[in-house]
C-alpha cells in the first residue's frame, strides 16, 4: 500500500476529454465525479488485468484504488494505468496482492555467510543451501560471497 505521485498535466487525455463531455450533461458535481470514476474504471478494465472487487474514488486530482490482484506486477500496472491519465496527480494504492512476492533482496554485510543470512531470515542456519540454489549461477560456491553483493532470498 502506498501513495504514488504522477505529473498531473501529463499522460493520457482520456479523463479530461470524457469528463468535459460529461460535465456539460452532469446535473451536479456528484454526477460528474461518478462519471469520471467510471472512466477510470474503464481505463483499468481495458488493460485486461484482473482485479477482484476493483473500485476507485476520485478526490480532486487524487484517485484511491481498491481491489485484490493475483500478483505484484498486476498491482503495479494498475497503478501506472491510473497515474498516467492527465489530471491525476497521485494514486493512493489500497490494492492487496493475493500471491506475495516470491523473494526479497539482501545486501551482504561484512562478516556475513550464507548460514548466518539463513539464520536471520529463516531462523535455521542449515537452510543456507536454499539461498545458494536461488542465486546460482551467480554464486559458484557457498563460501564465495562478498560485502555489497545483492542476494535473492526466497520466501520461507
C-alpha atoms as a PDB file:
ATOM      1  CA  UNK A   1       0.000   0.000   0.000  1.00  0.00           C
ATOM      2  CA  UNK A   2       1.331   3.430  -0.798  1.00  0.00           C
ATOM      3  CA  UNK A   3       0.897   6.795  -2.375  1.00  0.00           C
ATOM      4  CA  UNK A   4       2.346   7.264  -5.852  1.00  0.00           C
ATOM      5  CA  UNK A   5       2.872  10.688  -7.437  1.00  0.00           C
ATOM      6  CA  UNK A   6       2.447  11.487 -11.118  1.00  0.00           C
ATOM      7  CA  UNK A   7       2.613  14.616 -13.266  1.00  0.00           C
ATOM      8  CA  UNK A   8      -0.935  15.909 -13.228  1.00  0.00           C
ATOM      9  CA  UNK A   9      -0.774  17.555 -16.658  1.00  0.00           C
ATOM     10  CA  UNK A  10       0.960  14.692 -18.450  1.00  0.00           C
ATOM     11  CA  UNK A  11      -0.389  11.420 -19.725  1.00  0.00           C
ATOM     12  CA  UNK A  12      -3.487  10.256 -21.480  1.00  0.00           C
ATOM     13  CA  UNK A  13      -6.179  12.854 -22.026  1.00  0.00           C
ATOM     14  CA  UNK A  14      -8.954  10.282 -21.707  1.00  0.00           C
ATOM     15  CA  UNK A  15     -10.184  11.508 -18.348  1.00  0.00           C
ATOM     16  CA  UNK A  16     -10.260  15.165 -19.324  1.00  0.00           C
ATOM     17  CA  UNK A  17     -11.953  14.731 -22.684  1.00  0.00           C
ATOM     18  CA  UNK A  18     -14.539  12.319 -21.304  1.00  0.00           C
ATOM     19  CA  UNK A  19     -15.036  14.477 -18.226  1.00  0.00           C
ATOM     20  CA  UNK A  20     -15.537  17.604 -20.334  1.00  0.00           C
ATOM     21  CA  UNK A  21     -18.244  15.866 -22.362  1.00  0.00           C
ATOM     22  CA  UNK A  22     -19.900  14.536 -19.240  1.00  0.00           C
ATOM     23  CA  UNK A  23     -19.664  17.741 -17.202  1.00  0.00           C
ATOM     24  CA  UNK A  24     -21.860  19.591 -19.691  1.00  0.00           C
ATOM     25  CA  UNK A  25     -24.582  16.991 -19.176  1.00  0.00           C
ATOM     26  CA  UNK A  26     -23.992  16.472 -15.443  1.00  0.00           C
ATOM     27  CA  UNK A  27     -26.657  17.888 -13.181  1.00  0.00           C
ATOM     28  CA  UNK A  28     -24.309  18.303 -10.230  1.00  0.00           C
ATOM     29  CA  UNK A  29     -20.732  17.756  -9.105  1.00  0.00           C
ATOM     30  CA  UNK A  30     -21.504  14.331  -7.643  1.00  0.00           C
ATOM     31  CA  UNK A  31     -22.735  13.071 -11.011  1.00  0.00           C
ATOM     32  CA  UNK A  32     -19.657  14.490 -12.774  1.00  0.00           C
ATOM     33  CA  UNK A  33     -17.413  12.810 -10.193  1.00  0.00           C
ATOM     34  CA  UNK A  34     -19.198   9.476 -10.672  1.00  0.00           C
ATOM     35  CA  UNK A  35     -18.743   9.728 -14.441  1.00  0.00           C
ATOM     36  CA  UNK A  36     -15.006  10.470 -14.059  1.00  0.00           C
ATOM     37  CA  UNK A  37     -14.676   7.464 -11.756  1.00  0.00           C
ATOM     38  CA  UNK A  38     -16.445   5.327 -14.356  1.00  0.00           C
ATOM     39  CA  UNK A  39     -13.914   6.485 -16.969  1.00  0.00           C
ATOM     40  CA  UNK A  40     -11.041   5.462 -14.654  1.00  0.00           C
ATOM     41  CA  UNK A  41     -12.662   2.057 -14.127  1.00  0.00           C
ATOM     42  CA  UNK A  42     -12.942   1.646 -17.904  1.00  0.00           C
ATOM     43  CA  UNK A  43      -9.274   2.544 -18.358  1.00  0.00           C
ATOM     44  CA  UNK A  44      -8.239  -0.237 -15.985  1.00  0.00           C
ATOM     45  CA  UNK A  45     -10.755  -2.716 -17.425  1.00  0.00           C
ATOM     46  CA  UNK A  46      -9.344  -2.080 -20.917  1.00  0.00           C
ATOM     47  CA  UNK A  47      -5.909  -3.268 -19.734  1.00  0.00           C
ATOM     48  CA  UNK A  48      -7.352  -6.749 -19.256  1.00  0.00           C
ATOM     49  CA  UNK A  49      -5.713  -7.045 -15.839  1.00  0.00           C
ATOM     50  CA  UNK A  50      -7.852  -8.989 -13.399  1.00  0.00           C
ATOM     51  CA  UNK A  51      -8.514  -7.135 -10.145  1.00  0.00           C
ATOM     52  CA  UNK A  52     -11.243  -8.543  -7.913  1.00  0.00           C
ATOM     53  CA  UNK A  53     -13.598  -6.071  -6.241  1.00  0.00           C
ATOM     54  CA  UNK A  54     -11.891  -3.208  -8.075  1.00  0.00           C
ATOM     55  CA  UNK A  55     -13.156   0.279  -7.360  1.00  0.00           C
ATOM     56  CA  UNK A  56     -11.862   3.827  -7.391  1.00  0.00           C
ATOM     57  CA  UNK A  57     -12.682   7.008  -5.507  1.00  0.00           C
ATOM     58  CA  UNK A  58     -11.738  10.330  -7.035  1.00  0.00           C
ATOM     59  CA  UNK A  59     -10.849  13.223  -4.732  1.00  0.00           C
ATOM     60  CA  UNK A  60      -9.778  16.163  -6.875  1.00  0.00           C
ATOM     61  CA  UNK A  61      -6.548  15.108  -8.577  1.00  0.00           C
ATOM     62  CA  UNK A  62      -6.068  12.041  -6.357  1.00  0.00           C
ATOM     63  CA  UNK A  63      -7.518   8.615  -7.085  1.00  0.00           C
ATOM     64  CA  UNK A  64      -7.817   5.934  -4.401  1.00  0.00           C
ATOM     65  CA  UNK A  65      -7.744   2.419  -5.867  1.00  0.00           C
ATOM     66  CA  UNK A  66      -9.189  -0.618  -4.075  1.00  0.00           C
ATOM     67  CA  UNK A  67      -9.183  -4.283  -5.013  1.00  0.00           C
ATOM     68  CA  UNK A  68      -7.238  -7.505  -4.985  1.00  0.00           C
ATOM     69  CA  UNK A  69      -4.820  -8.810  -7.639  1.00  0.00           C
ATOM     70  CA  UNK A  70      -3.022 -12.098  -8.126  1.00  0.00           C
ATOM     71  CA  UNK A  71       0.451 -10.570  -8.456  1.00  0.00           C
ATOM     72  CA  UNK A  72       2.507  -7.547  -7.544  1.00  0.00           C
ATOM     73  CA  UNK A  73       3.117  -6.972 -11.250  1.00  0.00           C
ATOM     74  CA  UNK A  74      -0.628  -6.618 -11.918  1.00  0.00           C
ATOM     75  CA  UNK A  75      -0.980  -4.206  -8.999  1.00  0.00           C
ATOM     76  CA  UNK A  76       1.853  -2.032 -10.304  1.00  0.00           C
ATOM     77  CA  UNK A  77       0.374  -1.978 -13.820  1.00  0.00           C
ATOM     78  CA  UNK A  78      -2.990  -0.809 -12.463  1.00  0.00           C
ATOM     79  CA  UNK A  79      -1.297   1.988 -10.507  1.00  0.00           C
ATOM     80  CA  UNK A  80       0.536   3.071 -13.664  1.00  0.00           C
ATOM     81  CA  UNK A  81      -2.624   2.908 -15.784  1.00  0.00           C
ATOM     82  CA  UNK A  82      -4.419   5.222 -13.341  1.00  0.00           C
ATOM     83  CA  UNK A  83      -1.494   7.558 -12.716  1.00  0.00           C
ATOM     84  CA  UNK A  84      -0.710   8.107 -16.373  1.00  0.00           C
ATOM     85  CA  UNK A  85      -4.014   9.856 -17.002  1.00  0.00           C
ATOM     86  CA  UNK A  86      -3.938  13.620 -17.356  1.00  0.00           C
ATOM     87  CA  UNK A  87      -5.492  15.281 -14.323  1.00  0.00           C
ATOM     88  CA  UNK A  88      -4.345  12.598 -11.876  1.00  0.00           C
ATOM     89  CA  UNK A  89      -1.508  13.746  -9.614  1.00  0.00           C
ATOM     90  CA  UNK A  90      -1.490  10.892  -7.084  1.00  0.00           C
ATOM     91  CA  UNK A  91      -2.682   7.312  -6.800  1.00  0.00           C
ATOM     92  CA  UNK A  92      -3.407   6.085  -3.275  1.00  0.00           C
ATOM     93  CA  UNK A  93      -2.838   2.360  -3.566  1.00  0.00           C
ATOM     94  CA  UNK A  94      -5.186   0.246  -1.456  1.00  0.00           C
ATOM     95  CA  UNK A  95      -4.873  -2.828  -3.685  1.00  0.00           C
ATOM     96  CA  UNK A  96      -3.869  -6.046  -1.948  1.00  0.00           C
ATOM     97  CA  UNK A  97      -1.920  -8.886  -3.548  1.00  0.00           C
ATOM     98  CA  UNK A  98      -3.093 -12.497  -3.145  1.00  0.00           C
ATOM     99  CA  UNK A  99       0.264 -14.055  -4.003  1.00  0.00           C
ATOM    100  CA  UNK A 100       3.068 -12.376  -2.068  1.00  0.00           C
ATOM    101  CA  UNK A 101       6.427 -11.744  -3.730  1.00  0.00           C
ATOM    102  CA  UNK A 102       8.444 -14.939  -4.122  1.00  0.00           C
ATOM    103  CA  UNK A 103      11.673 -13.475  -2.773  1.00  0.00           C
ATOM    104  CA  UNK A 104      13.369 -10.463  -1.254  1.00  0.00           C
ATOM    105  CA  UNK A 105      16.782  -8.983  -1.886  1.00  0.00           C
ATOM    106  CA  UNK A 106      19.504  -8.794   0.705  1.00  0.00           C
ATOM    107  CA  UNK A 107      22.775  -6.871   0.638  1.00  0.00           C
ATOM    108  CA  UNK A 108      25.656  -8.897   2.074  1.00  0.00           C
ATOM    109  CA  UNK A 109      27.301  -7.201   5.073  1.00  0.00           C
ATOM    110  CA  UNK A 110      30.904  -7.656   6.279  1.00  0.00           C
ATOM    111  CA  UNK A 111      31.143 -10.891   8.259  1.00  0.00           C
ATOM    112  CA  UNK A 112      28.067 -12.465   6.641  1.00  0.00           C
ATOM    113  CA  UNK A 113      27.932 -16.068   5.493  1.00  0.00           C
ATOM    114  CA  UNK A 114      25.070 -17.871   3.817  1.00  0.00           C
ATOM    115  CA  UNK A 115      24.365 -19.765   7.046  1.00  0.00           C
ATOM    116  CA  UNK A 116      24.282 -16.507   9.047  1.00  0.00           C
ATOM    117  CA  UNK A 117      21.894 -14.991   6.490  1.00  0.00           C
ATOM    118  CA  UNK A 118      19.738 -18.156   6.569  1.00  0.00           C
ATOM    119  CA  UNK A 119      19.599 -17.977  10.375  1.00  0.00           C
ATOM    120  CA  UNK A 120      18.486 -14.318  10.216  1.00  0.00           C
ATOM    121  CA  UNK A 121      15.811 -14.895   7.546  1.00  0.00           C
ATOM    122  CA  UNK A 122      14.579 -18.396   8.304  1.00  0.00           C
ATOM    123  CA  UNK A 123      15.657 -18.996  11.901  1.00  0.00           C
ATOM    124  CA  UNK A 124      17.689 -22.006  10.742  1.00  0.00           C
ATOM    125  CA  UNK A 125      21.330 -21.713   9.659  1.00  0.00           C
ATOM    126  CA  UNK A 126      21.150 -25.109   7.926  1.00  0.00           C
ATOM    127  CA  UNK A 127      18.860 -23.633   5.246  1.00  0.00           C
ATOM    128  CA  UNK A 128      21.846 -21.808   3.677  1.00  0.00           C
ATOM    129  CA  UNK A 129      21.643 -24.094   0.644  1.00  0.00           C
ATOM    130  CA  UNK A 130      18.219 -22.645  -0.304  1.00  0.00           C
ATOM    131  CA  UNK A 131      19.841 -19.227  -0.631  1.00  0.00           C
ATOM    132  CA  UNK A 132      22.775 -20.718  -2.538  1.00  0.00           C
ATOM    133  CA  UNK A 133      20.463 -22.509  -5.012  1.00  0.00           C
ATOM    134  CA  UNK A 134      18.355 -19.360  -5.504  1.00  0.00           C
ATOM    135  CA  UNK A 135      21.461 -17.426  -6.539  1.00  0.00           C
ATOM    136  CA  UNK A 136      23.032 -19.869  -8.989  1.00  0.00           C
ATOM    137  CA  UNK A 137      24.821 -19.389 -11.368  1.00  0.00           C
ATOM    138  CA  UNK A 138      25.899 -16.057  -9.843  1.00  0.00           C
ATOM    139  CA  UNK A 139      27.287 -17.944  -6.822  1.00  0.00           C
ATOM    140  CA  UNK A 140      29.830 -20.632  -7.615  1.00  0.00           C
ATOM    141  CA  UNK A 141      30.464 -21.699  -4.000  1.00  0.00           C
ATOM    142  CA  UNK A 142      28.681 -21.240  -0.652  1.00  0.00           C
ATOM    143  CA  UNK A 143      31.860 -19.622   0.655  1.00  0.00           C
ATOM    144  CA  UNK A 144      32.260 -17.007  -2.079  1.00  0.00           C
ATOM    145  CA  UNK A 145      30.072 -14.054  -1.136  1.00  0.00           C
ATOM    146  CA  UNK A 146      31.298 -10.511  -0.554  1.00  0.00           C
ATOM    147  CA  UNK A 147      30.085  -7.327   1.195  1.00  0.00           C
ATOM    148  CA  UNK A 148      27.841  -5.233  -1.024  1.00  0.00           C
ATOM    149  CA  UNK A 149      26.716  -8.214  -3.106  1.00  0.00           C
ATOM    150  CA  UNK A 150      22.951  -8.479  -3.572  1.00  0.00           C
ATOM    151  CA  UNK A 151      21.376 -11.880  -2.996  1.00  0.00           C
ATOM    152  CA  UNK A 152      17.905 -13.196  -3.684  1.00  0.00           C
ATOM    153  CA  UNK A 153      16.342 -14.659  -0.510  1.00  0.00           C
ATOM    154  CA  UNK A 154      13.375 -16.949  -1.297  1.00  0.00           C
ATOM    155  CA  UNK A 155      10.367 -16.607   0.992  1.00  0.00           C
ATOM    156  CA  UNK A 156      10.237 -19.172   3.767  1.00  0.00           C
END
